[in-house]
Structure formats: structure tokens, C-alpha cells
Protein backbone atom coordinates (compact mmCIF):
# COMPACT_ATOMS: atom_id res chain seq x y z
CA MET A 1 157.80 -16.22 109.54
CA ASN A 2 160.92 -14.68 111.03
CA ALA A 3 161.47 -17.85 113.05
CA VAL A 4 160.97 -20.02 109.95
CA ASN A 5 163.35 -17.90 107.86
CA ALA A 6 166.02 -17.98 110.58
CA ASP A 7 165.83 -21.75 111.16
CA GLU A 8 169.01 -23.32 109.75
CA GLU A 9 167.74 -26.89 110.16
CA LEU A 10 164.60 -26.12 108.16
CA ALA A 11 166.61 -24.42 105.42
CA GLN A 12 168.81 -27.50 105.13
CA LEU A 13 165.76 -29.81 105.02
CA TYR A 14 164.51 -27.80 102.02
CA ARG A 15 167.89 -28.30 100.32
CA CYS A 16 167.91 -32.02 101.15
CA ALA A 17 164.39 -32.34 99.75
CA ASN A 18 165.52 -30.85 96.47
CA VAL A 19 168.57 -33.10 96.29
CA ASN A 20 166.26 -36.11 96.49
CA ALA A 21 163.59 -34.67 94.20
CA VAL A 22 165.61 -32.83 91.57
CA ASP A 23 169.21 -34.09 91.63
CA ARG A 24 168.49 -37.75 92.36
CA GLY A 25 164.92 -38.16 91.18
CA GLY A 26 164.95 -35.99 88.06
CA MET A 27 161.74 -34.34 89.24
CA ASN A 28 160.64 -30.75 89.63
CA ASP A 29 161.43 -28.36 92.49
CA HIS A 30 160.16 -29.25 95.96
CA GLY A 31 162.39 -26.89 97.91
CA GLU A 32 162.35 -23.34 99.19
CA VAL A 33 160.74 -21.74 96.13
CA HIS A 34 157.85 -24.22 96.21
CA ILE A 35 157.40 -23.56 99.93
CA GLN A 36 157.21 -19.78 99.36
CA ILE A 37 154.65 -20.17 96.59
CA VAL A 38 152.43 -22.53 98.59
CA ALA A 39 152.64 -20.46 101.80
CA ASN A 40 151.63 -17.28 99.95
CA ALA A 41 148.80 -19.05 98.13
CA ALA A 42 147.54 -20.61 101.38
CA LEU A 43 147.46 -17.26 103.15
CA ARG A 44 145.69 -15.63 100.20
CA LEU A 45 143.06 -18.40 100.11
CA MET A 46 142.53 -18.25 103.87
CA ARG A 47 142.05 -14.49 103.91
CA LEU A 48 139.55 -14.57 101.04
CA LEU A 49 137.57 -17.24 102.87
CA LEU A 50 137.63 -15.21 106.09
CA GLU A 51 136.51 -12.13 104.17
CA ALA A 52 133.55 -14.13 102.87
CA GLY A 53 132.55 -15.15 106.39
CA VAL A 54 133.85 -18.73 106.33
CA THR A 55 134.65 -19.95 109.84
CA PRO A 56 137.97 -21.80 110.17
CA SER A 57 137.77 -25.21 111.84
CA VAL A 58 140.16 -24.23 114.62
CA VAL A 59 137.74 -21.43 115.51
CA ALA A 60 134.62 -23.59 115.29
CA ASN A 61 136.05 -26.57 117.18
CA TYR A 62 138.47 -25.02 119.66
CA GLY A 63 137.41 -21.39 120.06
CA LEU A 64 140.72 -20.04 118.76
CA ASP A 65 140.78 -17.04 116.43
CA ASN A 66 141.27 -16.26 112.76
CA LEU A 67 144.93 -15.34 113.22
CA ASP A 68 145.54 -18.82 114.58
CA ALA A 69 143.95 -20.25 111.43
CA GLU A 70 146.24 -18.12 109.27
CA LEU A 71 149.26 -19.29 111.22
CA ILE A 72 148.19 -22.94 110.82
CA VAL A 73 147.98 -22.77 107.03
CA VAL A 74 151.27 -20.90 106.64
CA LEU A 75 153.21 -23.15 109.01
CA SER A 76 151.69 -26.24 107.40
CA ALA A 77 152.79 -24.97 104.00
CA CYS A 78 156.31 -24.45 105.32
CA LEU A 79 156.50 -28.02 106.64
CA HIS A 80 154.35 -30.05 104.24
CA ASP A 81 157.13 -31.35 101.97
CA ILE A 82 160.14 -31.64 104.31
CA GLY A 83 159.66 -35.40 104.34
CA ILE A 84 161.07 -35.51 100.81
CA ALA A 85 164.42 -35.09 102.54
CA ILE A 86 163.84 -38.73 103.58
CA HIS A 87 162.13 -40.03 100.42
CA ARG A 88 159.75 -38.75 97.75
CA HIS A 89 157.60 -41.88 98.03
CA ASP A 90 155.10 -41.56 100.88
CA HIS A 91 156.66 -38.22 101.74
CA GLU A 92 153.54 -36.95 103.50
CA ARG A 93 154.10 -39.49 106.27
CA HIS A 94 157.82 -38.76 106.40
CA SER A 95 156.97 -35.07 106.74
CA LEU A 96 154.93 -35.82 109.87
CA ILE A 97 158.00 -37.35 111.56
CA LEU A 98 160.06 -34.23 110.97
CA ALA A 99 157.27 -31.68 111.37
CA TYR A 100 156.06 -32.66 114.85
CA PRO A 101 159.16 -31.55 116.79
CA LYS A 102 159.83 -28.64 114.43
CA ALA A 103 156.28 -27.26 114.74
CA ARG A 104 156.40 -27.43 118.55
CA GLN A 105 159.81 -25.76 118.56
CA LEU A 106 158.59 -22.88 116.40
CA LEU A 107 155.30 -22.48 118.26
CA ALA A 108 156.50 -22.88 121.86
CA PRO A 109 157.66 -19.24 122.31
CA HIS A 110 154.16 -18.05 121.41
CA TYR A 111 151.70 -20.64 122.75
CA ALA A 112 151.25 -22.44 126.06
CA GLU A 113 149.41 -25.70 126.62
CA PRO A 114 146.85 -26.80 125.63
CA THR A 115 146.87 -24.40 122.65
CA LEU A 116 150.38 -25.50 121.66
CA THR A 117 149.23 -29.08 121.20
CA ILE A 118 146.00 -28.03 119.45
CA ILE A 119 147.81 -25.97 116.82
CA THR A 120 150.52 -28.61 116.36
CA SER A 121 147.83 -31.24 115.78
CA GLU A 122 146.06 -29.02 113.24
CA VAL A 123 149.33 -28.46 111.37
CA LEU A 124 150.01 -32.20 111.25
CA HIS A 125 146.51 -32.84 109.90
CA CYS A 126 147.10 -30.31 107.11
CA ILE A 127 150.37 -32.03 106.21
CA SER A 128 148.82 -35.49 106.17
CA ALA A 129 145.81 -34.36 104.12
CA HIS A 130 147.72 -32.51 101.39
CA ARG A 131 147.98 -35.82 99.54
CA SER A 132 145.37 -36.01 96.76
CA ASP A 133 143.64 -39.16 97.97
CA VAL A 134 143.50 -38.26 101.67
CA GLY A 135 140.35 -36.49 102.83
CA CYS A 136 140.44 -33.19 104.68
CA LEU A 137 138.65 -32.75 108.00
CA THR A 138 139.25 -29.02 108.34
CA ILE A 139 138.97 -25.83 106.30
CA GLU A 140 142.64 -25.21 106.96
CA ALA A 141 143.67 -28.59 105.53
CA GLY A 142 141.64 -27.86 102.40
CA VAL A 143 143.43 -24.56 102.01
CA VAL A 144 146.87 -26.20 102.15
CA LYS A 145 145.87 -29.01 99.78
CA VAL A 146 144.58 -26.59 97.14
CA ALA A 147 147.47 -24.14 97.63
CA ASP A 148 149.93 -26.96 96.97
CA ALA A 149 148.23 -27.69 93.64
CA LEU A 150 148.47 -24.06 92.54
CA ASP A 151 152.25 -24.17 92.15
CA MET A 152 152.01 -25.13 88.49
CA THR A 153 153.02 -22.05 86.53
CA GLU A 154 155.18 -22.56 83.44
CA GLY A 155 156.63 -25.93 84.21
CA ARG A 156 156.43 -25.80 88.02
CA SER A 157 153.73 -28.47 88.07
CA ARG A 158 153.42 -30.66 91.12
CA ILE A 159 152.97 -33.66 88.83
CA PRO A 160 156.46 -35.24 88.80
CA PHE A 161 157.96 -35.61 85.37
CA GLU A 162 161.40 -36.72 84.31
CA ALA A 163 163.56 -33.89 83.07
CA GLY A 164 163.52 -33.63 79.30
CA GLN A 165 160.86 -36.27 78.80
CA VAL A 166 158.21 -35.16 76.32
CA ASN A 167 154.84 -36.44 77.48
CA ILE A 168 151.45 -35.06 78.44
CA HIS A 169 152.73 -34.18 81.93
CA SER A 170 155.67 -32.09 80.74
CA VAL A 171 153.83 -30.50 77.81
CA SER A 172 150.79 -29.58 79.89
CA ALA A 173 152.97 -28.21 82.70
CA MET A 174 154.68 -25.83 80.27
CA ALA A 175 151.25 -24.70 79.02
CA VAL A 176 150.28 -23.03 82.31
CA LYS A 177 151.32 -19.39 82.01
CA ALA A 178 149.82 -17.84 85.16
CA VAL A 179 147.66 -18.65 88.17
CA SER A 180 145.80 -16.02 90.17
CA ILE A 181 143.65 -16.25 93.30
CA GLU A 182 140.84 -13.70 93.39
CA LYS A 183 137.60 -12.94 95.15
CA GLY A 184 134.91 -15.04 93.53
CA GLU A 185 131.48 -14.18 92.25
CA ALA A 186 129.44 -17.36 92.63
CA ARG A 187 131.73 -18.63 95.40
CA PRO A 188 134.09 -16.96 97.91
CA VAL A 189 137.23 -17.73 95.88
CA ARG A 190 137.98 -17.78 92.17
CA ILE A 191 141.13 -19.38 90.77
CA ASP A 192 142.05 -18.19 87.28
CA VAL A 193 144.46 -20.32 85.27
CA LEU A 194 145.89 -18.73 82.11
CA LEU A 195 147.03 -21.23 79.47
CA ASN A 196 149.14 -20.78 76.36
CA SER A 197 147.76 -23.98 74.82
CA THR A 198 144.88 -26.38 75.37
CA ALA A 199 147.36 -28.97 76.68
CA GLY A 200 147.20 -27.12 79.99
CA VAL A 201 143.64 -28.33 80.57
CA PHE A 202 145.16 -31.70 81.45
CA GLN A 203 147.12 -30.02 84.23
CA VAL A 204 143.97 -28.48 85.70
CA ASP A 205 142.03 -31.73 85.40
CA GLU A 206 144.73 -34.13 86.55
CA LEU A 207 145.93 -32.27 89.63
CA LEU A 208 143.83 -29.29 90.64
CA ARG A 209 140.45 -30.95 90.13
CA ARG A 210 141.45 -34.04 92.14
CA LYS A 211 142.80 -32.03 95.05
CA LEU A 212 139.94 -29.56 95.09
CA GLN A 213 137.23 -32.22 94.91
CA ASN A 214 138.80 -34.15 97.79
CA SER A 215 139.02 -31.10 100.03
CA THR A 216 136.77 -29.00 102.25
CA LEU A 217 137.09 -26.16 99.74
CA ALA A 218 135.15 -27.84 96.92
CA PRO A 219 131.94 -25.82 97.50
CA LEU A 220 133.86 -22.62 98.19
CA VAL A 221 136.12 -22.29 95.13
CA GLU A 222 135.42 -21.77 91.45
CA VAL A 223 138.12 -22.53 88.88
CA VAL A 224 138.31 -21.05 85.40
CA ALA A 225 141.02 -21.94 82.89
CA ARG A 226 141.29 -19.94 79.66
CA LEU A 227 143.64 -19.50 76.76
CA GLU A 228 145.78 -16.38 76.46
CA ASP A 229 143.68 -14.92 73.66
CA ALA A 230 140.35 -15.86 75.24
CA PRO A 231 138.15 -13.09 76.68
CA SER A 232 137.70 -12.61 80.41
CA GLY A 233 134.87 -11.22 82.52
CA ALA A 234 131.50 -10.75 80.84
CA GLU A 235 132.97 -11.39 77.40
CA ALA A 236 133.94 -14.90 78.50
CA ALA A 237 130.29 -15.87 78.32
CA GLU A 238 130.55 -15.89 74.52
CA PRO A 239 130.93 -19.50 73.31
CA PRO A 240 134.17 -20.37 71.49
CA GLY A 241 134.24 -21.63 67.96
CA PRO A 242 133.50 -25.29 67.25
CA GLY A 243 136.22 -27.69 68.36
CA PHE A 244 138.22 -24.99 70.16
CA VAL A 245 138.17 -24.83 73.96
CA GLN A 246 138.70 -21.27 75.16
CA ILE A 247 137.04 -21.36 78.56
CA TYR A 248 137.19 -24.38 80.87
CA ARG A 249 135.40 -24.42 84.21
CA LEU A 250 135.56 -26.84 87.11
């Protein structure tokens, strides 16, 4: 991470991405703050999966280790949206153009061939597969896809919406108060989404469900969305009143 933080070109790509997304496109943040949120979420997800005994794909297929898997998800998170500096449309592909040389540059001081090319390839797969309708072939890609969807707290939704426009996207985005990633009970990971209104269910359904279901993490993650005044834990088993959704599960 020191190399990422010290990279002036990468920092400027984050700023360029936000100029295109926010200043020119009237969309939500896709810059440095988004990158920090996704990288932290990806590392948290990966470590919970490792704790539960899930084997990363880079370990299963190439005989590398768990630390390599952690590096892959964090570096992928740091590079997944830099293509927005070129254009928001089809930005996943644009990101691949910029990420290939940057990943090799950042990795070269620490890895020799063939490991350098293996890890670079895994990072590029994660970037390509973070799009909702692209399937994941690795655990690591699933982690990055889901982590990207979790940056949706209080208006930071990944669903683009025009600034000031009142619609289901903007209203539901503002309804998400908090997102937490915890050790699961039925599955290795539990994602808790705290809502301040039922409009937030749309956010969970429209973005998180689609990304999770089209990822390798679908059988490994449980998602629970609840309203601020809804009970948690064992009390959450109590059914809400008629016509009032308090607990929503994927």
C-alpha cells in the first residue's frame, strides 16, 4: 500500500476519474474515497473467508499463498475504476488498459517471473469481472465485485444518479445508513445493511443482489437489511407487523 499511496500517476488517475464522473457526468464519487472503501471491504471479506477455511483461487490453481490472495484483492480494488479517467461507459475495459502496466510496475519490486505475470493476470480478471453482468472465475474476483457494491452508505451508492434528481435511485441511496461486514452464522460472511427507510431495499436488490448472485461468493455470504428501529440478533426472528418490512434477507 505504501507504493500505491506514493504513486503520483495513480493519484492523478483517481482525480481524473472523478472529473469525468462527478464534474462532467453529474454522478457520484468514483475517486480516492471510493477506492479506500472498496479496498478495505475487499480485505475484510477476504480475511473472513480465509478464517472460514475458504481456499483462494490463486492458492488452488497456482500454489501461491493466502497473502498473495490478499494482495490481489487490494490491488484490484485500487485499480478497478481508473478507466473512468478515460470514460465512464465501458470503464471496466478502459481500466484494463491502464491497470496492466501499473500493476506490473507496482508488483515488479516484489515478484519475479512467472509469479509476476500470474498475479497481474489475476488482478486484471478481478477488474474485468467487477461489472455486474460479467461472471467471476475466482474467489478473489468475487470478493472485489461484492466489495465494490458495498460502497453505498448514505448516498454513496454505486448506482449512478444525476445530482439533485429525485428518483428511486437517489432516494434509496440516501436510505442506506450503514454497512458492516461480519463473521456469518449460516455462511462464512454476513453483510448487515442498516436502513433509515424501506426505500433502501431497492438499493440492496438492484445492486448488491445482482453482483452477489453473479459472483463466486453467492454461497458464502448472507445479507441482512433492516430498518434502524428493527431488532437484531435473536430478536430479529420476530415477524414485523403486517405491511411493514423490518428484516430483509437475500
